[in-house]
Protein backbone atom coordinates (compact mmCIF):
# COMPACT_ATOMS: atom_id res chain seq x y z
CA MET A 1 14.24 4.25 -19.09
CA ASP A 2 11.13 1.43 -18.51
CA ARG A 3 9.01 2.26 -15.41
CA TYR A 4 6.14 -0.16 -13.55
CA PRO A 5 3.68 2.08 -12.09
CA ARG A 6 2.35 -0.22 -9.76
CA ASP A 7 3.33 -0.45 -6.28
CA MET A 8 3.56 -3.84 -5.43
CA ARG A 9 5.53 -3.47 -1.64
CA GLY A 10 3.32 -1.21 0.21
CA TYR A 11 4.35 -0.93 3.85
CA GLY A 12 6.66 -3.90 3.74
CA ALA A 13 6.95 -6.83 6.24
CA GLU A 14 6.20 -4.52 8.88
CA THR A 15 3.40 -2.44 9.17
CA PRO A 16 3.69 1.15 10.70
CA ASP A 17 1.38 0.90 14.29
CA PRO A 18 -1.33 3.09 13.54
CA LYS A 19 -1.76 4.71 16.95
CA TRP A 20 -5.81 4.35 17.12
CA PRO A 21 -6.94 6.71 19.27
CA GLY A 22 -7.68 4.86 22.40
CA GLY A 23 -4.86 2.36 22.02
CA ALA A 24 -7.14 0.38 20.04
CA ARG A 25 -6.41 -2.89 18.47
CA ILE A 26 -8.52 -2.78 15.67
CA ALA A 27 -10.48 -0.21 13.49
CA VAL A 28 -13.56 -1.49 12.48
CA GLN A 29 -15.47 0.86 9.60
CA PHE A 30 -19.00 0.32 7.77
CA VAL A 31 -19.21 2.14 4.78
CA VAL A 32 -23.26 2.28 3.94
CA ASN A 33 -23.37 2.57 0.09
CA TYR A 34 -26.55 4.69 -1.04
CA GLU A 35 -26.91 3.99 -4.73
CA GLU A 36 -30.63 3.61 -4.98
CA GLY A 37 -32.20 5.92 -7.58
CA GLY A 38 -28.07 6.60 -9.43
CA GLU A 39 -28.32 3.53 -11.14
CA ASN A 40 -28.71 3.11 -14.18
CA CYS A 41 -32.20 3.77 -15.65
CA LEU A 42 -33.30 5.48 -19.19
CA LEU A 43 -35.71 7.81 -16.66
CA HIS A 44 -31.96 9.10 -15.93
CA GLY A 45 -30.74 9.75 -18.87
CA ASP A 46 -29.00 6.20 -19.35
CA ALA A 47 -29.19 3.84 -22.37
CA ALA A 48 -30.04 1.14 -20.41
CA SER A 49 -31.40 -0.83 -17.56
CA GLU A 50 -28.57 -1.32 -14.30
CA ALA A 51 -27.38 -4.94 -14.43
CA PHE A 52 -25.44 -4.84 -11.20
CA LEU A 53 -25.67 -6.00 -8.20
CA SER A 54 -29.37 -7.07 -7.38
CA GLU A 55 -31.82 -10.24 -6.97
CA ILE A 56 -31.82 -10.86 -10.20
CA VAL A 57 -29.45 -13.94 -11.16
CA GLY A 58 -28.12 -13.13 -14.72
CA ALA A 59 -29.56 -9.79 -15.02
CA ALA A 60 -28.62 -8.13 -18.61
CA ALA A 61 -28.92 -4.35 -19.42
CA TRP A 62 -31.90 -3.94 -21.30
CA GLU A 63 -31.09 -1.30 -24.29
CA GLY A 64 -33.86 1.35 -24.47
CA GLN A 65 -36.15 0.03 -22.05
CA ARG A 66 -36.98 0.35 -18.34
CA HIS A 67 -36.49 -2.77 -15.91
CA TRP A 68 -39.53 -2.89 -13.56
CA ASN A 69 -38.30 -5.73 -11.45
CA MET A 70 -34.88 -4.20 -11.55
CA GLU A 71 -36.09 -0.71 -10.59
CA SER A 72 -38.01 -2.16 -7.82
CA ILE A 73 -34.99 -3.78 -6.22
CA TYR A 74 -33.14 -0.49 -6.15
CA GLU A 75 -36.04 0.92 -4.61
CA TYR A 76 -36.28 -1.40 -1.51
CA GLY A 77 -33.29 -0.39 -0.57
CA ALA A 78 -34.12 3.24 -0.16
CA ARG A 79 -37.92 2.53 0.97
CA ALA A 80 -36.99 -0.56 3.55
CA GLY A 81 -32.93 -1.88 3.92
CA PHE A 82 -31.81 1.72 4.35
CA TRP A 83 -34.13 1.90 7.62
CA ARG A 84 -33.12 -1.07 8.45
CA LEU A 85 -29.31 -0.26 8.45
CA HIS A 86 -30.88 2.75 10.13
CA ARG A 87 -32.29 1.57 13.33
CA MET A 88 -29.72 -0.78 13.26
CA PHE A 89 -26.40 1.31 13.80
CA THR A 90 -28.18 4.41 15.59
CA GLY A 91 -29.55 1.11 18.31
CA ALA A 92 -25.42 -0.13 18.35
CA GLY A 93 -24.04 3.89 18.88
CA ILE A 94 -22.31 3.48 15.45
CA LYS A 95 -21.50 5.76 13.05
CA PRO A 96 -20.88 4.82 9.43
CA THR A 97 -20.07 6.27 6.71
CA VAL A 98 -22.22 6.69 3.36
CA TYR A 99 -20.81 6.21 0.07
CA GLY A 100 -23.95 8.38 -1.42
CA VAL A 101 -24.45 8.79 -5.34
CA ALA A 102 -24.96 12.30 -5.65
CA THR A 103 -28.52 12.05 -8.13
CA ALA A 104 -29.22 8.96 -5.66
CA LEU A 105 -29.39 11.61 -2.41
CA ALA A 106 -30.72 14.15 -4.09
CA ARG A 107 -33.65 11.58 -4.93
CA SER A 108 -34.00 11.04 -1.15
CA PRO A 109 -33.93 13.91 0.82
CA GLU A 110 -35.56 11.83 3.78
CA GLN A 111 -32.91 9.46 4.37
CA VAL A 112 -30.61 12.44 3.89
CA ALA A 113 -31.73 14.40 6.69
CA ALA A 114 -31.65 10.71 8.98
CA MET A 115 -27.90 10.53 8.11
CA ILE A 116 -27.12 13.95 8.42
CA GLU A 117 -29.38 13.98 12.21
CA ALA A 118 -27.61 10.76 13.07
CA ASP A 119 -23.71 12.30 12.58
CA TRP A 120 -23.38 9.61 9.64
CA GLU A 121 -20.59 10.67 7.28
CA ILE A 122 -21.74 11.05 3.90
CA ALA A 123 -19.40 10.34 1.49
CA SER A 124 -19.38 11.05 -2.67
CA HIS A 125 -19.85 7.50 -4.71
CA GLY A 126 -19.85 9.72 -7.81
CA LEU A 127 -22.47 11.71 -9.33
CA LYS A 128 -24.12 8.45 -10.99
CA TRP A 129 -23.54 4.59 -10.26
CA VAL A 130 -22.58 3.65 -13.41
CA GLU A 131 -19.09 2.27 -15.17
CA HIS A 132 -16.38 4.69 -15.88
CA LYS A 133 -13.78 2.30 -17.19
CA ASP A 134 -14.94 3.68 -20.75
CA MET A 135 -15.50 7.18 -19.77
CA PRO A 136 -13.27 9.66 -21.30
CA GLU A 137 -10.81 11.41 -18.96
CA GLU A 138 -12.74 15.18 -19.14
CA GLU A 139 -16.13 13.80 -19.17
CA GLU A 140 -15.06 11.56 -15.80
CA ARG A 141 -13.67 15.05 -14.52
CA ALA A 142 -16.71 16.76 -15.10
CA GLN A 143 -18.68 14.40 -13.34
CA ILE A 144 -16.63 14.69 -10.13
CA ALA A 145 -17.19 18.21 -10.38
CA GLU A 146 -20.69 18.21 -10.71
CA ALA A 147 -20.92 15.46 -8.27
CA ILE A 148 -19.02 17.23 -5.55
CA ARG A 149 -21.33 20.65 -6.51
CA LEU A 150 -24.38 18.80 -6.37
CA HIS A 151 -23.85 16.60 -2.98
CA THR A 152 -22.69 20.02 -1.41
CA GLU A 153 -26.43 21.23 -2.53
CA VAL A 154 -28.12 18.32 -1.44
CA THR A 155 -26.11 17.67 2.15
CA GLY A 156 -24.92 21.07 2.85
CA ARG A 157 -21.42 20.49 2.91
CA PRO A 158 -18.85 19.10 0.65
CA PRO A 159 -17.87 15.75 0.44
CA GLU A 160 -14.45 14.70 2.09
CA GLY A 161 -14.21 11.36 0.80
CA TRP A 162 -14.25 9.95 -2.17
CA TYR A 163 -15.43 6.49 -3.86
CA THR A 164 -16.44 6.08 -7.18
CA GLY A 165 -16.64 1.84 -7.01
CA ARG A 166 -16.84 1.29 -10.88
CA SER A 167 -13.92 3.30 -11.23
CA SER A 168 -11.46 4.04 -14.55
CA MET A 169 -7.45 4.02 -14.30
CA ASN A 170 -7.86 7.79 -14.21
CA THR A 171 -10.16 8.00 -10.92
CA VAL A 172 -7.91 7.72 -8.47
CA ARG A 173 -6.06 10.86 -10.10
CA LEU A 174 -8.74 13.22 -11.06
CA ALA A 175 -9.87 12.85 -7.41
CA ALA A 176 -7.33 13.74 -5.76
CA GLU A 177 -6.51 16.63 -8.40
CA THR A 178 -9.46 18.25 -7.01
CA GLY A 179 -7.34 19.03 -3.90
CA GLN A 180 -10.51 19.31 -2.01
CA LEU A 181 -10.44 15.81 -0.36
CA ALA A 182 -9.32 14.67 2.58
CA TYR A 183 -9.11 10.97 1.46
CA VAL A 184 -9.88 8.75 -1.77
CA SER A 185 -10.90 4.75 -1.36
CA ASP A 186 -11.23 3.88 -4.87
CA THR A 187 -8.04 0.72 -3.78
CA TYR A 188 -8.56 -2.99 -2.41
CA ASP A 189 -4.89 -3.00 -1.91
CA ASP A 190 -3.94 -2.46 1.74
CA ASP A 191 -4.98 -3.07 5.46
CA LEU A 192 -4.15 0.74 6.30
CA PRO A 193 -4.66 3.84 4.90
CA TYR A 194 -1.21 5.48 3.09
CA TRP A 195 -0.49 8.37 1.36
CA LEU A 196 -0.16 8.63 -2.48
CA LYS A 197 2.08 10.96 -4.30
CA VAL A 198 -0.37 12.80 -7.23
CA ALA A 199 1.33 15.40 -9.10
CA GLU A 200 2.61 17.84 -6.18
CA ARG A 201 -0.51 16.53 -3.37
CA ASP A 202 0.23 13.79 -1.22
CA GLN A 203 -3.54 12.22 -1.76
CA LEU A 204 -4.61 9.83 1.56
CA ILE A 205 -5.63 6.64 0.58
CA ILE A 206 -8.38 4.32 2.84
CA PRO A 207 -8.42 1.09 1.07
CA TYR A 208 -12.04 -0.25 1.07
CA THR A 209 -13.23 -3.94 0.29
CA LEU A 210 -14.69 -6.31 -1.84
CA ASP A 211 -14.56 -9.13 0.03
CA ALA A 212 -16.14 -8.21 3.58
CA ASN A 213 -18.43 -6.83 1.29
CA ASP A 214 -22.68 -7.78 0.75
CA MET A 215 -22.32 -7.26 -2.74
CA ARG A 216 -21.63 -10.96 -2.18
CA PHE A 217 -24.96 -11.91 -1.77
CA ALA A 218 -25.68 -10.60 -5.68
CA THR A 219 -21.93 -12.45 -6.98
CA ALA A 220 -21.68 -16.34 -8.05
CA GLN A 221 -19.30 -16.92 -5.82
CA GLY A 222 -20.33 -15.21 -2.36
CA PHE A 223 -23.03 -15.50 0.25
CA ASN A 224 -26.16 -17.48 0.77
CA THR A 225 -27.23 -16.62 4.33
CA GLY A 226 -26.62 -13.85 6.92
CA ASP A 227 -24.65 -17.13 8.90
CA HIS A 228 -22.26 -16.70 5.87
CA PHE A 229 -21.61 -13.34 5.85
CA PHE A 230 -21.35 -13.49 10.13
CA ALA A 231 -18.49 -16.46 9.84
CA TYR A 232 -16.67 -14.07 7.47
CA LEU A 233 -16.77 -11.39 9.79
CA LYS A 234 -16.15 -12.61 12.48
CA ASP A 235 -12.98 -14.86 10.19
CA ALA A 236 -11.68 -11.46 8.97
CA PHE A 237 -12.51 -9.54 12.50
CA ASP A 238 -10.38 -12.44 14.51
CA ALA A 239 -7.45 -12.42 12.23
CA LEU A 240 -6.84 -8.53 12.23
CA TYR A 241 -7.87 -8.62 16.21
CA ALA A 242 -5.13 -11.19 16.82
CA GLU A 243 -2.47 -8.98 14.51
CA GLY A 244 -3.36 -6.04 16.56
CA LEU A 245 -2.78 -7.94 20.01
CA ALA A 246 0.59 -8.93 18.41
CA GLY A 247 1.44 -5.38 17.90
CA ALA A 248 0.38 -4.32 14.38
CA PRO A 249 -3.36 -3.28 14.46
CA LYS A 250 -4.91 -2.75 11.54
CA MET A 251 -8.28 -1.39 9.81
CA MET A 252 -11.30 -3.83 8.75
CA SER A 253 -13.64 -2.37 6.39
CA VAL A 254 -17.40 -3.60 5.71
CA GLY A 255 -18.98 -2.88 2.65
CA LEU A 256 -23.15 -2.29 2.89
CA HIS A 257 -25.86 -1.78 0.42
CA CYS A 258 -28.87 -1.14 1.42
CA ARG A 259 -30.87 -3.16 -1.20
CA LEU A 260 -28.58 -6.05 -0.15
CA VAL A 261 -27.82 -7.00 3.04
CA GLY A 262 -31.30 -4.77 4.28
CA ARG A 263 -33.31 -7.39 3.37
CA PRO A 264 -34.73 -9.17 6.70
CA GLY A 265 -33.29 -12.35 5.57
CA ARG A 266 -29.52 -11.15 5.88
CA ILE A 267 -30.04 -8.28 8.13
CA MET A 268 -28.95 -10.72 11.38
CA GLY A 269 -26.20 -11.46 10.34
CA LEU A 270 -25.00 -7.92 10.35
CA LYS A 271 -26.39 -7.87 13.96
CA ARG A 272 -25.01 -10.63 14.82
CA PHE A 273 -21.64 -9.30 13.85
CA LEU A 274 -21.67 -6.20 15.75
CA ASP A 275 -22.58 -8.20 18.84
CA TYR A 276 -20.38 -10.14 18.55
CA ILE A 277 -17.12 -7.16 18.42
CA ALA A 278 -18.85 -5.72 20.74
CA GLY A 279 -17.55 -8.30 23.36
CA PHE A 280 -14.13 -6.99 23.08
CA GLU A 281 -11.86 -4.40 24.28
CA GLY A 282 -9.98 -1.75 22.50
CA VAL A 283 -12.12 -2.09 19.21
CA TRP A 284 -12.44 1.05 17.40
CA CYS A 285 -15.66 1.97 14.94
CA PRO A 286 -14.84 5.20 13.35
CA ARG A 287 -16.12 6.91 10.66
CA ARG A 288 -14.14 6.90 7.32
CA ILE A 289 -13.39 10.80 7.75
CA ASP A 290 -12.48 10.01 11.23
CA ILE A 291 -10.08 7.63 10.52
CA ALA A 292 -8.09 10.25 7.97
CA ARG A 293 -8.03 12.97 10.34
CA HIS A 294 -6.55 10.87 12.73
CA TRP A 295 -3.57 9.76 9.81
CA ALA A 296 -3.09 12.79 8.64
CA LYS A 297 -2.38 13.96 12.05
CA THR A 298 -0.68 10.85 13.25
CA HIS A 299 1.37 10.04 9.95
CA PRO A 300 1.35 13.07 8.13
CA PRO A 301 3.16 12.46 4.76
CA VAL A 302 6.84 12.79 4.55
CA SER A 303 9.07 12.90 1.92
CA ARG A 304 11.32 9.78 0.84
CA PRO A 305 13.98 9.02 -1.73
CA GLU A 306 12.17 7.64 -4.94
CA PRO A 307 15.15 5.74 -7.12
CA HIS A 308 12.57 4.34 -9.70
CA LYS A 309 11.42 8.12 -10.57
CA MET A 310 15.30 9.63 -10.97
CA ASP A 311 16.88 10.47 -14.38
CA ARG A 312 19.78 8.39 -15.21
CA ALA A 313 22.53 10.68 -14.10
CA GLY A 314 20.92 11.78 -10.62
CA PHE A 315 20.50 7.19 -9.86
CA VAL A 316 24.19 6.88 -11.12
CA GLU A 317 25.64 9.55 -8.74
CA THR A 318 23.50 8.31 -6.11
CA PHE A 319 23.80 4.64 -6.40
CA GLY A 320 26.75 4.63 -8.69
CA GLY A 321 29.24 3.83 -5.59
CA ILE A 322 27.01 1.16 -3.79
CA PHE A 323 29.34 -1.96 -5.83
CA GLU A 324 32.97 -0.46 -4.91
CA HIS A 325 34.22 1.97 -7.79
CA SER A 326 31.84 0.38 -10.51
CA PRO A 327 29.30 3.14 -11.57
CA TRP A 328 28.58 0.03 -14.46
CA ILE A 329 26.44 -1.87 -12.19
CA ALA A 330 23.99 1.64 -11.71
CA GLU A 331 23.99 2.54 -14.98
CA ARG A 332 22.28 -1.17 -16.31
CA ALA A 333 20.18 -1.39 -13.47
CA HIS A 334 18.30 1.97 -13.88
CA ALA A 335 17.80 0.71 -17.13
CA LEU A 336 15.66 -2.04 -15.63
CA GLU A 337 11.93 -2.20 -15.53
CA LEU A 338 11.98 -0.02 -12.17
CA GLY A 339 8.96 0.89 -10.01
CA PRO A 340 8.12 1.26 -6.37
CA ALA A 341 9.06 -1.45 -5.22
CA HIS A 342 12.47 -0.87 -5.84
CA ASP A 343 12.68 2.69 -3.67
CA SER A 344 13.19 0.58 -0.30
CA ALA A 345 17.20 -0.66 0.54
CA ILE A 346 15.59 -4.21 -0.57
CA GLY A 347 14.35 -3.36 -3.43
CA LEU A 348 17.42 -0.99 -5.28
CA HIS A 349 19.48 -3.84 -4.04
CA ASN A 350 17.39 -6.68 -6.22
CA ALA A 351 18.08 -4.29 -9.34
CA LEU A 352 21.92 -3.80 -8.69
CA ALA A 353 22.66 -7.57 -7.28
CA ARG A 354 21.12 -8.44 -10.62
CA MET A 355 23.33 -6.18 -12.61
CA PHE A 356 26.10 -7.97 -10.90
CA ARG A 357 25.16 -11.62 -10.94
CA SER A 358 24.29 -10.92 -14.61
CA ALA A 359 27.68 -9.68 -15.55
CA SER A 360 31.08 -11.93 -16.92
CA ARG A 361 33.57 -13.54 -14.79
CA ASP A 362 35.92 -10.49 -15.52
CA GLU A 363 33.70 -7.93 -14.87
CA ARG A 364 32.71 -9.24 -11.43
CA LEU A 365 36.57 -9.76 -11.05
CA GLY A 366 36.91 -6.39 -11.99
CA VAL A 367 34.25 -5.54 -8.29
CA LEU A 368 36.46 -7.85 -6.57
CA THR A 369 39.59 -5.81 -7.48
CA ALA A 370 38.53 -2.39 -6.63
CA HIS A 371 37.98 -3.34 -3.35
CA PRO A 372 40.51 -2.19 -0.96
CA ASP A 373 42.86 -4.39 1.14
CA LEU A 374 41.59 -4.73 4.79
CA ALA A 375 43.28 -2.08 6.96
CA GLY A 376 45.86 -1.96 3.94
CA LYS A 377 47.47 1.06 2.54
CA LEU A 378 45.10 2.75 1.24
CA ALA A 379 43.90 3.19 4.27
CA ALA A 380 47.12 4.33 6.08
CA ALA A 381 47.21 6.33 3.54
CA LYS A 382 43.47 7.78 3.86
CA ARG A 383 42.58 7.06 0.19
CA LEU A 384 39.43 4.70 0.92
CA THR A 385 36.16 5.88 -0.53
CA ALA A 386 33.94 7.76 2.30
CA ASP A 387 31.87 4.21 2.67
CA SER A 388 34.61 1.80 3.03
CA THR A 389 36.28 4.58 5.64
CA ALA A 390 33.17 4.17 7.88
CA GLU A 391 32.77 0.54 7.21
CA GLN A 392 36.48 -0.33 7.95
CA ALA A 393 36.31 2.12 11.22
CA SER A 394 33.31 0.05 12.48
CA ALA A 395 35.58 -2.69 13.17
CA GLY A 396 38.16 -1.26 15.06
CA LEU A 397 40.12 -1.30 11.75
CA ASP A 398 41.09 2.21 11.89
CA ALA A 399 42.80 1.76 15.12
CA LEU A 400 45.24 -1.48 15.10
CA THR A 401 48.09 -2.38 17.32
CA ASP A 402 51.25 -2.92 15.57
CA ASP A 403 51.01 -6.84 15.88
CA GLU A 404 47.55 -6.53 14.56
CA ARG A 405 48.61 -4.03 11.59
CA THR A 406 51.03 -6.56 10.93
CA ALA A 407 48.42 -9.71 10.55
CA PHE A 408 46.50 -7.93 8.55
CA THR A 409 49.45 -6.80 6.13
CA GLU A 410 50.27 -10.63 6.14
CA MET A 411 47.02 -12.02 5.36
CA ASN A 412 46.23 -9.39 2.83
CA ASP A 413 49.57 -10.22 0.74
CA ALA A 414 49.01 -14.30 0.83
CA TYR A 415 45.30 -14.04 0.44
CA VAL A 416 45.37 -11.71 -3.02
CA ALA A 417 48.99 -13.80 -3.74
CA LYS A 418 46.65 -17.20 -4.02
CA HIS A 419 43.39 -15.85 -5.38
CA GLY A 420 44.33 -12.67 -7.35
CA PHE A 421 41.98 -10.34 -5.45
CA PRO A 422 41.33 -8.83 -2.07
CA PHE A 423 39.99 -10.72 0.82
CA ILE A 424 36.34 -8.73 1.22
CA ILE A 425 34.18 -9.47 3.94
CA ALA A 426 31.05 -7.03 5.12
CA VAL A 427 32.80 -5.81 8.33
CA ARG A 428 29.85 -4.12 9.90
CA ASP A 429 28.65 -7.80 10.23
CA HIS A 430 31.88 -8.37 12.63
CA ASP A 431 34.36 -7.09 14.70
CA LYS A 432 37.77 -7.07 14.75
CA ALA A 433 38.37 -10.54 16.25
CA GLY A 434 35.68 -12.17 13.89
CA ILE A 435 37.55 -10.52 10.77
CA LEU A 436 40.68 -11.94 11.72
CA ASN A 437 39.11 -15.68 12.12
CA ALA A 438 37.39 -15.35 8.72
CA PHE A 439 40.65 -14.40 7.28
CA ARG A 440 42.55 -17.65 8.44
CA ARG A 441 39.64 -19.80 7.83
CA ARG A 442 39.29 -18.51 4.24
CA VAL A 443 42.75 -17.58 2.87
CA ASP A 444 43.04 -21.71 2.44
CA ASN A 445 39.76 -22.36 0.32
CA ASP A 446 40.19 -22.86 -3.24
CA THR A 447 39.81 -19.70 -5.43
CA GLU A 448 36.67 -20.81 -6.97
CA THR A 449 34.69 -21.08 -3.22
CA GLU A 450 36.12 -18.11 -2.76
CA PHE A 451 35.22 -15.85 -6.12
CA THR A 452 32.24 -17.27 -4.56
CA GLU A 453 31.92 -16.59 -0.99
CA ALA A 454 33.42 -12.60 -1.80
CA CYS A 455 30.79 -12.02 -4.43
CA LYS A 456 28.47 -12.85 -2.00
CA GLN A 457 29.97 -10.52 0.60
CA VAL A 458 30.31 -7.85 -2.21
CA GLU A 459 26.50 -7.96 -2.55
CA ARG A 460 26.16 -7.98 1.34
CA ILE A 461 28.10 -4.61 1.79
CA ALA A 462 25.90 -3.45 -1.24
CA LEU A 463 22.77 -3.80 1.20
CA LEU A 464 24.16 -1.90 4.37
CA ARG A 465 25.30 0.41 2.22
CA LEU A 466 22.21 0.99 0.38
CA LYS A 467 20.25 0.63 4.09
CA GLU A 468 22.14 4.15 4.90
CA LYS A 469 20.32 5.88 2.41
CA LEU A 470 16.69 3.99 1.71
CA PRO A 471 13.99 2.74 3.92
């Protein structure tokens, strides 16, 4: 059994209505990353200096040495940049979420007091602002626990949200396993929150952003001026606001860093954006915890079938009849590389149809001949499968007049005599008159044309059956 863990489907073509408070058309959420004092530094017990997200182009980690310039740049974020952002947000009446590195918060008591007084949410940004990709799982688990402990000690309450940022493949799972977090944000995969099953726990995920993020002031392909930052944020807002007007509201995350956008040459780009969105109706600017509470109340987790997690016996028992009397199709599909994308009707149909299409002609002919005649003897004897019974009844084929029954019998006999398999049509797509017209039109086709059409109809029937079982 080959399983692909990544979810490439998400909400699919139609996203849910988040029902933002007050009928808002967009939720614009600001994050202030507070990392200053938690970065790599020999003073913090690290092996080298920091090399990430600073003004120093091409910065490298200095092994065994402190880096005065790097430390000074980070200190600017705490000493000046934070207060500039604090004045701007409090003046605008907006409460952001702080991603606070626990050790950084512990080294900045006055900034923490200002966050608390302004009622900003302080979520956890991990214990230290360091890479986790090579960190052993047990060490990362211990650091998460210590981050929560220290965060609680410093701020007076435990964090309700989590974002590591420089994460490992284990981070989301380990954070969820604590059972203490209302949301985790170490993903960038959607414009809306969603529920993720971690073991037996439903963990709310509120995706974050690396594009509408001032970190691009410090990357090669990024923003050079405040105007660049404003233009990007404006375009993102305009696109999402238009979707909200069209009935599909979304969430926009804006990522900020005290030492980056907190510089005077950049801060006005953020101010222009705040002024811009203030001119629109239906804009909600919540903290991330506000989004989490709203989502949990309005869109609680719902248990859904997960075919890709089923064992072979359960999978075949559940889906073996999707193609009429042909469980071998489900047996073969179960061995494919299935994943979350196959947990929808369309996704699973693709897997089953692949096995049908790749089967030999004789095998596909066997599927066609497994289908009953429309309104034929099996129907009269009530020996159809439950699916076929419901399908034929949906088109009124269980209530024919004597003349209609005679017509169907004669056409069934003529069609099978000519082509060697029953006339197949997805009856749920038609009424009785439409089926009779299709019967008369198709009976004179050549057999190869009808074989192709019958296979197409078999796939259509399978899809309609799956839509009754899956989202």
